[in-house]
Amino acid sequence: MKKNTWIEGWFEKCEELEIKPWEWDFKQSYFKEPISENTSPIRLMLEYKIGKLKTTVKPGSKADCDKEPFHIYQLLWGTENNPGLESKYHLDHYDLLRGETMNSFWTTFKNSVINSSNKTMLYNKIGINSGKSLKKQCHLIIFNDKFQAFNEIKRNIAAFGKFATSSHCIGNFTVLPHWMNTGRYSFSQDYWDVTLQSFFDFFKQMGCWKNFVEIYFLQPYVNNDDEWTVSEFWEGHFLSIGKPKQLTPQNQKELSEYLHKVNLRIEERGKWIIKKVCEELKLQHFTFYDELKDKQIRFSNELK
């Protein structure tokens, strides 16, 4: 299937289900019917994370959201010569360059569960062993949506719910060399501002930093100053680079600020990506484009 055929078909599906493309949760790709409004997006994300998504299109254990829109990656970033983007479902090639999720839901969610003041009581009640991996026991907090009882989740339930959806929206996807994505977690814990700061330090010496930002539509993560400096998710975040355990939000203020900023930036970037795709393929006739036609992408310091 050619990329423009797939993209136009996807846009038509978005209009049919009354979902704006930048708000399309790519977990929807694994369901024939629209994801119910009564379905907890957090529970859906956790089921996806542990390979227990009860899909109606593809087996849940093989769901891989950031690999789904590879036609968009090909269109925007010229990856036509790299079959690795398609190899998950179509070709038997190693993924040298592939779609990746920029900001991880699980890292912050797990940290919030562990740091909840009522964690010990809930662990005992639910039957979670604190000495074992939370991910391997995730089914226990999924059952009857028990994750909602943890203080840090409860206080930020709406923002976490939005992040559980936006995490798999087009605005949170990019392409990276396979080895780079594999290695970035250990130093960044998959916080995109930290990852981007490493790119900034590397590319600015070669004079190609701003070009990199523009190509990958990263303006929502940088400030509109002379150097296009990277914006921290919260004040002092970069001081924890080199200290992986301190890269997650350390208090309620940092957690709230992070969730607000990451959701806002994913949406902003997603709108711009869809606008560029519509214009590149002459697909401005879709209803949702009316919201995008006069839009200019905003820098981090222009977002509130």
C-alpha atoms as a PDB file:
ATOM      1  CA  MET A   1       0.000   0.000   0.000  1.00  0.00           C
ATOM      2  CA  LYS A   2       1.415   3.368  -0.970  1.00  0.00           C
ATOM      3  CA  LYS A   3       1.871   5.858   1.832  1.00  0.00           C
ATOM      4  CA  ASN A   4      -0.581   8.393   0.442  1.00  0.00           C
ATOM      5  CA  THR A   5      -3.269   5.696   0.094  1.00  0.00           C
ATOM      6  CA  TRP A   6      -2.769   4.548   3.691  1.00  0.00           C
ATOM      7  CA  ILE A   7      -2.708   8.099   5.050  1.00  0.00           C
ATOM      8  CA  GLU A   8      -5.838   9.164   3.188  1.00  0.00           C
ATOM      9  CA  GLY A   9      -7.587   6.008   4.362  1.00  0.00           C
ATOM     10  CA  TRP A  10      -6.528   6.762   7.929  1.00  0.00           C
ATOM     11  CA  PHE A  11      -7.849  10.319   7.668  1.00  0.00           C
ATOM     12  CA  GLU A  12     -11.162   8.943   6.397  1.00  0.00           C
ATOM     13  CA  LYS A  13     -11.296   6.558   9.357  1.00  0.00           C
ATOM     14  CA  CYS A  14     -10.613   9.467  11.722  1.00  0.00           C
ATOM     15  CA  GLU A  15     -13.507  11.420  10.240  1.00  0.00           C
ATOM     16  CA  GLU A  16     -15.774   8.360  10.354  1.00  0.00           C
ATOM     17  CA  LEU A  17     -15.058   7.855  14.067  1.00  0.00           C
ATOM     18  CA  GLU A  18     -15.066  11.613  14.722  1.00  0.00           C
ATOM     19  CA  ILE A  19     -11.500  11.568  16.055  1.00  0.00           C
ATOM     20  CA  LYS A  20      -9.074  14.328  15.093  1.00  0.00           C
ATOM     21  CA  PRO A  21      -5.906  12.702  13.692  1.00  0.00           C
ATOM     22  CA  TRP A  22      -3.641  14.388  16.242  1.00  0.00           C
ATOM     23  CA  GLU A  23      -5.876  12.927  18.982  1.00  0.00           C
ATOM     24  CA  TRP A  24      -5.946   9.441  17.456  1.00  0.00           C
ATOM     25  CA  ASP A  25      -4.633   6.961  20.016  1.00  0.00           C
ATOM     26  CA  PHE A  26      -2.818   4.389  17.871  1.00  0.00           C
ATOM     27  CA  LYS A  27      -4.068   1.660  20.195  1.00  0.00           C
ATOM     28  CA  GLN A  28      -7.289   2.320  18.269  1.00  0.00           C
ATOM     29  CA  SER A  29      -5.556   0.621  15.318  1.00  0.00           C
ATOM     30  CA  TYR A  30      -6.135  -2.711  17.038  1.00  0.00           C
ATOM     31  CA  PHE A  31      -9.901  -2.333  17.445  1.00  0.00           C
ATOM     32  CA  LYS A  32     -12.643  -2.426  14.824  1.00  0.00           C
ATOM     33  CA  GLU A  33     -14.984  -0.306  16.912  1.00  0.00           C
ATOM     34  CA  PRO A  34     -14.139   3.034  18.553  1.00  0.00           C
ATOM     35  CA  ILE A  35     -12.530   2.716  21.962  1.00  0.00           C
ATOM     36  CA  SER A  36     -15.392   3.235  24.390  1.00  0.00           C
ATOM     37  CA  GLU A  37     -15.517   6.441  26.406  1.00  0.00           C
ATOM     38  CA  ASN A  38     -16.214   4.209  29.400  1.00  0.00           C
ATOM     39  CA  THR A  39     -12.863   2.453  28.967  1.00  0.00           C
ATOM     40  CA  SER A  40     -10.189   3.778  31.286  1.00  0.00           C
ATOM     41  CA  PRO A  41      -7.301   5.016  29.115  1.00  0.00           C
ATOM     42  CA  ILE A  42      -4.911   4.151  31.944  1.00  0.00           C
ATOM     43  CA  ARG A  43      -6.136   0.564  32.134  1.00  0.00           C
ATOM     44  CA  LEU A  44      -5.909   0.330  28.338  1.00  0.00           C
ATOM     45  CA  MET A  45      -2.321   1.591  28.438  1.00  0.00           C
ATOM     46  CA  LEU A  46      -1.318  -0.841  31.187  1.00  0.00           C
ATOM     47  CA  GLU A  47      -2.888  -3.773  29.323  1.00  0.00           C
ATOM     48  CA  TYR A  48      -0.926  -2.690  26.253  1.00  0.00           C
ATOM     49  CA  LYS A  49       2.266  -2.372  28.269  1.00  0.00           C
ATOM     50  CA  ILE A  50       2.121  -5.939  29.577  1.00  0.00           C
ATOM     51  CA  GLY A  51       0.944  -7.434  26.270  1.00  0.00           C
ATOM     52  CA  LYS A  52      -2.593  -8.182  27.460  1.00  0.00           C
ATOM     53  CA  LEU A  53      -4.521  -5.823  25.194  1.00  0.00           C
ATOM     54  CA  LYS A  54      -7.740  -7.571  24.161  1.00  0.00           C
ATOM     55  CA  THR A  55      -7.682  -6.542  20.524  1.00  0.00           C
ATOM     56  CA  THR A  56     -10.110  -7.258  17.695  1.00  0.00           C
ATOM     57  CA  VAL A  57      -7.718  -6.616  14.790  1.00  0.00           C
ATOM     58  CA  LYS A  58      -4.267  -7.918  15.792  1.00  0.00           C
ATOM     59  CA  PRO A  59      -3.019  -9.995  18.722  1.00  0.00           C
ATOM     60  CA  GLY A  60      -2.453  -7.758  21.726  1.00  0.00           C
ATOM     61  CA  SER A  61       0.984  -9.176  22.429  1.00  0.00           C
ATOM     62  CA  LYS A  62       2.191  -7.897  19.034  1.00  0.00           C
ATOM     63  CA  ALA A  63       0.719  -4.414  19.342  1.00  0.00           C
ATOM     64  CA  ASP A  64       3.420  -1.799  18.716  1.00  0.00           C
ATOM     65  CA  CYS A  65       1.833   1.611  18.339  1.00  0.00           C
ATOM     66  CA  ASP A  66       4.814   3.703  17.317  1.00  0.00           C
ATOM     67  CA  LYS A  67       5.499   1.364  14.373  1.00  0.00           C
ATOM     68  CA  GLU A  68       1.982   1.743  12.922  1.00  0.00           C
ATOM     69  CA  PRO A  69       2.280   5.146  11.152  1.00  0.00           C
ATOM     70  CA  PHE A  70       5.450   4.273   9.219  1.00  0.00           C
ATOM     71  CA  HIS A  71       3.914   5.760   6.059  1.00  0.00           C
ATOM     72  CA  ILE A  72       3.921   9.138   7.804  1.00  0.00           C
ATOM     73  CA  TYR A  73       7.560   8.673   8.775  1.00  0.00           C
ATOM     74  CA  GLN A  74       8.369   7.867   5.171  1.00  0.00           C
ATOM     75  CA  LEU A  75       6.561  10.939   3.919  1.00  0.00           C
ATOM     76  CA  LEU A  76       7.996  13.447   6.393  1.00  0.00           C
ATOM     77  CA  TRP A  77      11.474  12.097   7.004  1.00  0.00           C
ATOM     78  CA  GLY A  78      12.384  10.299   3.825  1.00  0.00           C
ATOM     79  CA  THR A  79      12.688   6.801   5.185  1.00  0.00           C
ATOM     80  CA  GLU A  80      11.487   5.113   1.974  1.00  0.00           C
ATOM     81  CA  ASN A  81      14.782   3.277   1.556  1.00  0.00           C
ATOM     82  CA  ASN A  82      14.632   1.772   4.990  1.00  0.00           C
ATOM     83  CA  PRO A  83      12.398  -1.298   5.008  1.00  0.00           C
ATOM     84  CA  GLY A  84      13.124  -1.750   8.693  1.00  0.00           C
ATOM     85  CA  LEU A  85      10.244   0.586   9.488  1.00  0.00           C
ATOM     86  CA  GLU A  86       7.864  -1.959   8.045  1.00  0.00           C
ATOM     87  CA  SER A  87       9.566  -5.099   9.237  1.00  0.00           C
ATOM     88  CA  LYS A  88       7.383  -5.538  12.307  1.00  0.00           C
ATOM     89  CA  TYR A  89       4.513  -6.743  10.168  1.00  0.00           C
ATOM     90  CA  HIS A  90       5.685  -6.919   6.579  1.00  0.00           C
ATOM     91  CA  LEU A  91       9.387  -7.545   5.942  1.00  0.00           C
ATOM     92  CA  ASP A  92      12.088  -9.625   7.538  1.00  0.00           C
ATOM     93  CA  HIS A  93      14.710  -6.891   7.974  1.00  0.00           C
ATOM     94  CA  TYR A  94      16.500  -5.536  11.004  1.00  0.00           C
ATOM     95  CA  ASP A  95      15.120  -2.194  12.209  1.00  0.00           C
ATOM     96  CA  LEU A  96      18.009   0.229  11.694  1.00  0.00           C
ATOM     97  CA  LEU A  97      15.752   3.278  11.813  1.00  0.00           C
ATOM     98  CA  ARG A  98      12.346   2.945  13.325  1.00  0.00           C
ATOM     99  CA  GLY A  99       9.411   4.721  14.889  1.00  0.00           C
ATOM    100  CA  GLU A 100       9.793   5.387  18.596  1.00  0.00           C
ATOM    101  CA  THR A 101       7.801   6.929  21.443  1.00  0.00           C
ATOM    102  CA  MET A 102       9.377  10.141  22.707  1.00  0.00           C
ATOM    103  CA  ASN A 103       7.906  10.367  26.222  1.00  0.00           C
ATOM    104  CA  SER A 104       7.251   7.206  28.230  1.00  0.00           C
ATOM    105  CA  PHE A 105       3.999   6.835  30.169  1.00  0.00           C
ATOM    106  CA  TRP A 106       5.149   3.846  32.193  1.00  0.00           C
ATOM    107  CA  THR A 107       8.241   5.488  33.726  1.00  0.00           C
ATOM    108  CA  THR A 108       6.302   8.318  35.373  1.00  0.00           C
ATOM    109  CA  PHE A 109       3.275   6.173  36.209  1.00  0.00           C
ATOM    110  CA  LYS A 110       5.403   3.515  37.927  1.00  0.00           C
ATOM    111  CA  ASN A 111       7.326   6.166  39.858  1.00  0.00           C
ATOM    112  CA  SER A 112       4.045   7.713  41.032  1.00  0.00           C
ATOM    113  CA  VAL A 113       2.713   4.373  42.254  1.00  0.00           C
ATOM    114  CA  ILE A 114       5.925   3.626  44.130  1.00  0.00           C
ATOM    115  CA  ASN A 115       6.061   7.111  45.695  1.00  0.00           C
ATOM    116  CA  SER A 116       2.424   7.175  46.828  1.00  0.00           C
ATOM    117  CA  SER A 117       2.172   7.643  50.596  1.00  0.00           C
ATOM    118  CA  ASN A 118      -0.406   4.838  50.831  1.00  0.00           C
ATOM    119  CA  LYS A 119       1.659   2.416  48.761  1.00  0.00           C
ATOM    120  CA  THR A 120       2.472  -0.019  51.617  1.00  0.00           C
ATOM    121  CA  MET A 121      -1.140  -0.356  52.679  1.00  0.00           C
ATOM    122  CA  LEU A 122      -2.318  -0.875  49.090  1.00  0.00           C
ATOM    123  CA  TYR A 123       0.484  -3.299  48.252  1.00  0.00           C
ATOM    124  CA  ASN A 124      -0.553  -5.447  51.214  1.00  0.00           C
ATOM    125  CA  LYS A 125      -4.234  -5.214  50.271  1.00  0.00           C
ATOM    126  CA  ILE A 126      -3.718  -5.947  46.583  1.00  0.00           C
ATOM    127  CA  GLY A 127      -0.984  -8.538  47.087  1.00  0.00           C
ATOM    128  CA  ILE A 128       1.953  -6.780  45.430  1.00  0.00           C
ATOM    129  CA  ASN A 129       5.459  -7.835  46.456  1.00  0.00           C
ATOM    130  CA  SER A 130       7.593  -4.679  46.727  1.00  0.00           C
ATOM    131  CA  GLY A 131      10.718  -6.759  46.187  1.00  0.00           C
ATOM    132  CA  LYS A 132       9.629  -7.794  42.706  1.00  0.00           C
ATOM    133  CA  SER A 133       9.090  -5.915  39.451  1.00  0.00           C
ATOM    134  CA  LEU A 134       5.903  -3.846  39.442  1.00  0.00           C
ATOM    135  CA  LYS A 135       5.478  -4.467  35.723  1.00  0.00           C
ATOM    136  CA  LYS A 136       5.339  -8.219  36.316  1.00  0.00           C
ATOM    137  CA  GLN A 137       2.587  -7.635  38.877  1.00  0.00           C
ATOM    138  CA  CYS A 138       0.785  -4.973  36.875  1.00  0.00           C
ATOM    139  CA  HIS A 139      -2.265  -7.187  36.387  1.00  0.00           C
ATOM    140  CA  LEU A 140      -2.982  -6.758  40.094  1.00  0.00           C
ATOM    141  CA  ILE A 141      -3.414  -2.990  39.839  1.00  0.00           C
ATOM    142  CA  ILE A 142      -5.288  -3.257  36.546  1.00  0.00           C
ATOM    143  CA  PHE A 143      -7.972  -5.474  38.070  1.00  0.00           C
ATOM    144  CA  ASN A 144     -10.991  -3.292  38.930  1.00  0.00           C
ATOM    145  CA  ASP A 145      -8.872  -0.207  38.172  1.00  0.00           C
ATOM    146  CA  LYS A 146      -7.104  -0.464  41.527  1.00  0.00           C
ATOM    147  CA  PHE A 147      -4.379   1.897  40.279  1.00  0.00           C
ATOM    148  CA  GLN A 148      -6.792   4.756  40.989  1.00  0.00           C
ATOM    149  CA  ALA A 149      -6.371   4.241  44.740  1.00  0.00           C
ATOM    150  CA  PHE A 150      -2.700   5.244  44.824  1.00  0.00           C
ATOM    151  CA  ASN A 151      -2.472   8.819  46.095  1.00  0.00           C
ATOM    152  CA  GLU A 152      -0.163  10.166  43.390  1.00  0.00           C
ATOM    153  CA  ILE A 153      -2.324   8.677  40.638  1.00  0.00           C
ATOM    154  CA  LYS A 154      -5.582   9.767  42.263  1.00  0.00           C
ATOM    155  CA  ARG A 155      -4.429  13.398  42.579  1.00  0.00           C
ATOM    156  CA  ASN A 156      -3.514  13.499  38.884  1.00  0.00           C
ATOM    157  CA  ILE A 157      -6.008  11.036  37.443  1.00  0.00           C
ATOM    158  CA  ALA A 158      -7.249  13.296  34.629  1.00  0.00           C
ATOM    159  CA  ALA A 159      -3.744  14.268  33.509  1.00  0.00           C
ATOM    160  CA  PHE A 160      -2.544  10.656  33.667  1.00  0.00           C
ATOM    161  CA  GLY A 161      -5.610   9.608  31.682  1.00  0.00           C
ATOM    162  CA  LYS A 162      -4.813  12.152  28.993  1.00  0.00           C
ATOM    163  CA  PHE A 163      -1.163  11.089  28.939  1.00  0.00           C
ATOM    164  CA  ALA A 164      -2.180   7.429  28.594  1.00  0.00           C
ATOM    165  CA  THR A 165      -3.920   8.427  25.364  1.00  0.00           C
ATOM    166  CA  SER A 166      -1.564  11.133  24.066  1.00  0.00           C
ATOM    167  CA  SER A 167       1.429   8.871  24.644  1.00  0.00           C
ATOM    168  CA  HIS A 168       0.354   6.937  21.560  1.00  0.00           C
ATOM    169  CA  CYS A 169      -0.692   9.929  19.460  1.00  0.00           C
ATOM    170  CA  ILE A 170       1.324  10.991  16.415  1.00  0.00           C
ATOM    171  CA  GLY A 171       2.757  14.001  18.263  1.00  0.00           C
ATOM    172  CA  ASN A 172       4.652  11.673  20.617  1.00  0.00           C
ATOM    173  CA  PHE A 173       6.263   9.642  17.829  1.00  0.00           C
ATOM    174  CA  THR A 174       9.519  10.204  15.997  1.00  0.00           C
ATOM    175  CA  VAL A 175      12.148   8.057  14.272  1.00  0.00           C
ATOM    176  CA  LEU A 176      15.472   7.114  15.830  1.00  0.00           C
ATOM    177  CA  PRO A 177      18.237   4.654  15.005  1.00  0.00           C
ATOM    178  CA  HIS A 178      17.476   1.434  16.852  1.00  0.00           C
ATOM    179  CA  TRP A 179      20.691   1.504  18.886  1.00  0.00           C
ATOM    180  CA  MET A 180      20.042   5.072  20.006  1.00  0.00           C
ATOM    181  CA  ASN A 181      16.588   4.399  21.368  1.00  0.00           C
ATOM    182  CA  THR A 182      17.795   1.261  23.132  1.00  0.00           C
ATOM    183  CA  GLY A 183      20.540   3.218  24.869  1.00  0.00           C
ATOM    184  CA  ARG A 184      18.753   6.433  25.764  1.00  0.00           C
ATOM    185  CA  TYR A 185      16.648   5.036  28.596  1.00  0.00           C
ATOM    186  CA  SER A 186      19.611   4.440  30.910  1.00  0.00           C
ATOM    187  CA  PHE A 187      20.633   8.099  30.937  1.00  0.00           C
ATOM    188  CA  SER A 188      17.305   9.855  30.249  1.00  0.00           C
ATOM    189  CA  GLN A 189      14.643   7.503  31.652  1.00  0.00           C
ATOM    190  CA  ASP A 190      12.888   8.343  28.363  1.00  0.00           C
ATOM    191  CA  TYR A 191      12.221  11.977  29.305  1.00  0.00           C
ATOM    192  CA  TRP A 192      12.374  13.756  25.973  1.00  0.00           C
ATOM    193  CA  ASP A 193      13.773  17.027  27.328  1.00  0.00           C
ATOM    194  CA  VAL A 194      16.832  15.156  28.622  1.00  0.00           C
ATOM    195  CA  THR A 195      17.231  13.254  25.340  1.00  0.00           C
ATOM    196  CA  LEU A 196      16.922  16.502  23.424  1.00  0.00           C
ATOM    197  CA  GLN A 197      19.509  18.230  25.611  1.00  0.00           C
ATOM    198  CA  SER A 198      22.024  15.583  24.556  1.00  0.00           C
ATOM    199  CA  PHE A 199      21.202  16.314  20.904  1.00  0.00           C
ATOM    200  CA  PHE A 200      21.596  20.041  21.574  1.00  0.00           C
ATOM    201  CA  ASP A 201      25.067  19.630  23.058  1.00  0.00           C
ATOM    202  CA  PHE A 202      26.099  17.475  20.102  1.00  0.00           C
ATOM    203  CA  PHE A 203      24.533  19.289  17.145  1.00  0.00           C
ATOM    204  CA  LYS A 204      25.162  22.913  18.137  1.00  0.00           C
ATOM    205  CA  GLN A 205      28.898  22.440  17.568  1.00  0.00           C
ATOM    206  CA  MET A 206      28.182  21.481  13.970  1.00  0.00           C
ATOM    207  CA  GLY A 207      25.742  24.315  13.341  1.00  0.00           C
ATOM    208  CA  CYS A 208      22.857  21.974  12.482  1.00  0.00           C
ATOM    209  CA  TRP A 209      20.807  22.119  15.688  1.00  0.00           C
ATOM    210  CA  LYS A 210      18.056  24.409  14.400  1.00  0.00           C
ATOM    211  CA  ASN A 211      17.787  22.406  11.197  1.00  0.00           C
ATOM    212  CA  PHE A 212      17.319  19.235  13.262  1.00  0.00           C
ATOM    213  CA  VAL A 213      14.580  20.898  15.323  1.00  0.00           C
ATOM    214  CA  GLU A 214      12.739  22.067  12.217  1.00  0.00           C
ATOM    215  CA  ILE A 215      12.961  18.734  10.398  1.00  0.00           C
ATOM    216  CA  TYR A 216      11.490  16.812  13.317  1.00  0.00           C
ATOM    217  CA  PHE A 217       9.051  19.520  14.443  1.00  0.00           C
ATOM    218  CA  LEU A 218      10.597  19.870  17.901  1.00  0.00           C
ATOM    219  CA  GLN A 219       9.852  23.565  18.468  1.00  0.00           C
ATOM    220  CA  PRO A 220       7.410  22.794  21.332  1.00  0.00           C
ATOM    221  CA  TYR A 221      10.374  21.444  23.281  1.00  0.00           C
ATOM    222  CA  VAL A 222      12.760  24.365  22.758  1.00  0.00           C
ATOM    223  CA  ASN A 223      12.711  28.061  23.607  1.00  0.00           C
ATOM    224  CA  ASN A 224      12.511  30.729  20.934  1.00  0.00           C
ATOM    225  CA  ASP A 225      15.773  32.371  21.986  1.00  0.00           C
ATOM    226  CA  ASP A 226      19.027  32.879  20.087  1.00  0.00           C
ATOM    227  CA  GLU A 227      20.190  29.284  20.451  1.00  0.00           C
ATOM    228  CA  TRP A 228      16.820  27.523  20.627  1.00  0.00           C
ATOM    229  CA  THR A 229      17.740  26.110  24.010  1.00  0.00           C
ATOM    230  CA  VAL A 230      15.946  23.029  25.274  1.00  0.00           C
ATOM    231  CA  SER A 231      13.155  23.688  27.766  1.00  0.00           C
ATOM    232  CA  GLU A 232      13.156  21.596  30.961  1.00  0.00           C
ATOM    233  CA  PHE A 233       9.945  19.822  31.907  1.00  0.00           C
ATOM    234  CA  TRP A 234      10.415  21.286  35.386  1.00  0.00           C
ATOM    235  CA  GLU A 235      12.992  23.595  36.927  1.00  0.00           C
ATOM    236  CA  GLY A 236      16.214  21.796  37.795  1.00  0.00           C
ATOM    237  CA  HIS A 237      15.478  18.679  35.744  1.00  0.00           C
ATOM    238  CA  PHE A 238      18.782  18.879  33.889  1.00  0.00           C
ATOM    239  CA  LEU A 239      20.678  18.995  37.185  1.00  0.00           C
ATOM    240  CA  SER A 240      19.720  15.333  37.583  1.00  0.00           C
ATOM    241  CA  ILE A 241      21.348  14.228  34.315  1.00  0.00           C
ATOM    242  CA  GLY A 242      23.773  11.501  35.283  1.00  0.00           C
ATOM    243  CA  LYS A 243      21.574  10.542  38.244  1.00  0.00           C
ATOM    244  CA  PRO A 244      18.906   8.315  36.640  1.00  0.00           C
ATOM    245  CA  LYS A 245      16.947   7.688  39.843  1.00  0.00           C
ATOM    246  CA  GLN A 246      16.438  11.436  40.266  1.00  0.00           C
ATOM    247  CA  LEU A 247      15.195  12.108  36.726  1.00  0.00           C
ATOM    248  CA  THR A 248      11.582  11.296  37.580  1.00  0.00           C
ATOM    249  CA  PRO A 249       9.402  13.934  39.293  1.00  0.00           C
ATOM    250  CA  GLN A 250      10.459  14.212  42.927  1.00  0.00           C
ATOM    251  CA  ASN A 251       7.346  15.871  44.316  1.00  0.00           C
ATOM    252  CA  GLN A 252       3.731  16.712  43.502  1.00  0.00           C
ATOM    253  CA  LYS A 253       4.622  20.072  41.950  1.00  0.00           C
ATOM    254  CA  GLU A 254       7.099  18.527  39.507  1.00  0.00           C
ATOM    255  CA  LEU A 255       4.696  15.699  38.630  1.00  0.00           C
ATOM    256  CA  SER A 256       1.807  18.073  37.933  1.00  0.00           C
ATOM    257  CA  GLU A 257       4.019  20.367  35.867  1.00  0.00           C
ATOM    258  CA  TYR A 258       5.410  17.477  33.851  1.00  0.00           C
ATOM    259  CA  LEU A 259       2.019  15.983  33.013  1.00  0.00           C
ATOM    260  CA  HIS A 260       0.666  19.360  31.956  1.00  0.00           C
ATOM    261  CA  LYS A 261       3.654  20.185  29.781  1.00  0.00           C
ATOM    262  CA  VAL A 262       4.048  16.814  28.126  1.00  0.00           C
ATOM    263  CA  ASN A 263       0.375  16.569  27.143  1.00  0.00           C
ATOM    264  CA  LEU A 264       0.407  20.106  25.767  1.00  0.00           C
ATOM    265  CA  ARG A 265       3.570  19.537  23.721  1.00  0.00           C
ATOM    266  CA  ILE A 266       2.394  16.267  22.266  1.00  0.00           C
ATOM    267  CA  GLU A 267      -0.817  17.910  21.047  1.00  0.00           C
ATOM    268  CA  GLU A 268       0.977  20.966  19.643  1.00  0.00           C
ATOM    269  CA  ARG A 269       3.491  18.896  17.711  1.00  0.00           C
ATOM    270  CA  GLY A 270       0.797  16.471  16.554  1.00  0.00           C
ATOM    271  CA  LYS A 271      -1.287  19.242  15.041  1.00  0.00           C
ATOM    272  CA  TRP A 272       1.704  20.519  13.110  1.00  0.00           C
ATOM    273  CA  ILE A 273       2.586  17.046  11.823  1.00  0.00           C
ATOM    274  CA  ILE A 274      -0.960  16.516  10.541  1.00  0.00           C
ATOM    275  CA  LYS A 275      -0.997  19.975   8.947  1.00  0.00           C
ATOM    276  CA  LYS A 276       2.251  19.234   7.083  1.00  0.00           C
ATOM    277  CA  VAL A 277       0.976  15.833   5.945  1.00  0.00           C
ATOM    278  CA  CYS A 278      -2.281  17.355   4.629  1.00  0.00           C
ATOM    279  CA  GLU A 279      -0.408  20.014   2.694  1.00  0.00           C
ATOM    280  CA  GLU A 280       2.214  17.627   1.337  1.00  0.00           C
ATOM    281  CA  LEU A 281      -0.440  15.243  -0.021  1.00  0.00           C
ATOM    282  CA  LYS A 282      -3.027  17.910  -0.989  1.00  0.00           C
ATOM    283  CA  LEU A 283      -5.540  16.566   1.516  1.00  0.00           C
ATOM    284  CA  GLN A 284      -6.832  19.902   2.801  1.00  0.00           C
ATOM    285  CA  HIS A 285     -10.423  18.904   2.033  1.00  0.00           C
ATOM    286  CA  PHE A 286     -10.829  17.026   5.317  1.00  0.00           C
ATOM    287  CA  THR A 287     -12.962  18.805   7.892  1.00  0.00           C
ATOM    288  CA  PHE A 288     -10.306  18.710  10.609  1.00  0.00           C
ATOM    289  CA  TYR A 289      -7.911  20.718   8.410  1.00  0.00           C
ATOM    290  CA  ASP A 290     -10.013  23.830   9.001  1.00  0.00           C
ATOM    291  CA  GLU A 291      -8.603  23.892  12.541  1.00  0.00           C
ATOM    292  CA  LEU A 292      -5.043  23.716  11.202  1.00  0.00           C
ATOM    293  CA  LYS A 293      -4.928  25.839   8.066  1.00  0.00           C
ATOM    294  CA  ASP A 294      -3.870  29.072   9.772  1.00  0.00           C
ATOM    295  CA  LYS A 295      -1.775  27.402  12.444  1.00  0.00           C
ATOM    296  CA  GLN A 296       1.909  28.106  13.121  1.00  0.00           C
ATOM    297  CA  ILE A 297       3.857  25.817  15.382  1.00  0.00           C
ATOM    298  CA  ARG A 298       4.661  27.305  18.807  1.00  0.00           C
ATOM    299  CA  PHE A 299       7.879  27.131  20.782  1.00  0.00           C
ATOM    300  CA  SER A 300       7.992  25.935  24.379  1.00  0.00           C
ATOM    301  CA  ASN A 301       8.070  29.438  25.871  1.00  0.00           C
ATOM    302  CA  GLU A 302       4.936  30.280  23.869  1.00  0.00           C
ATOM    303  CA  LEU A 303       2.950  27.381  25.368  1.00  0.00           C
ATOM    304  CA  LYS A 304       1.108  27.775  28.660  1.00  0.00           C
END
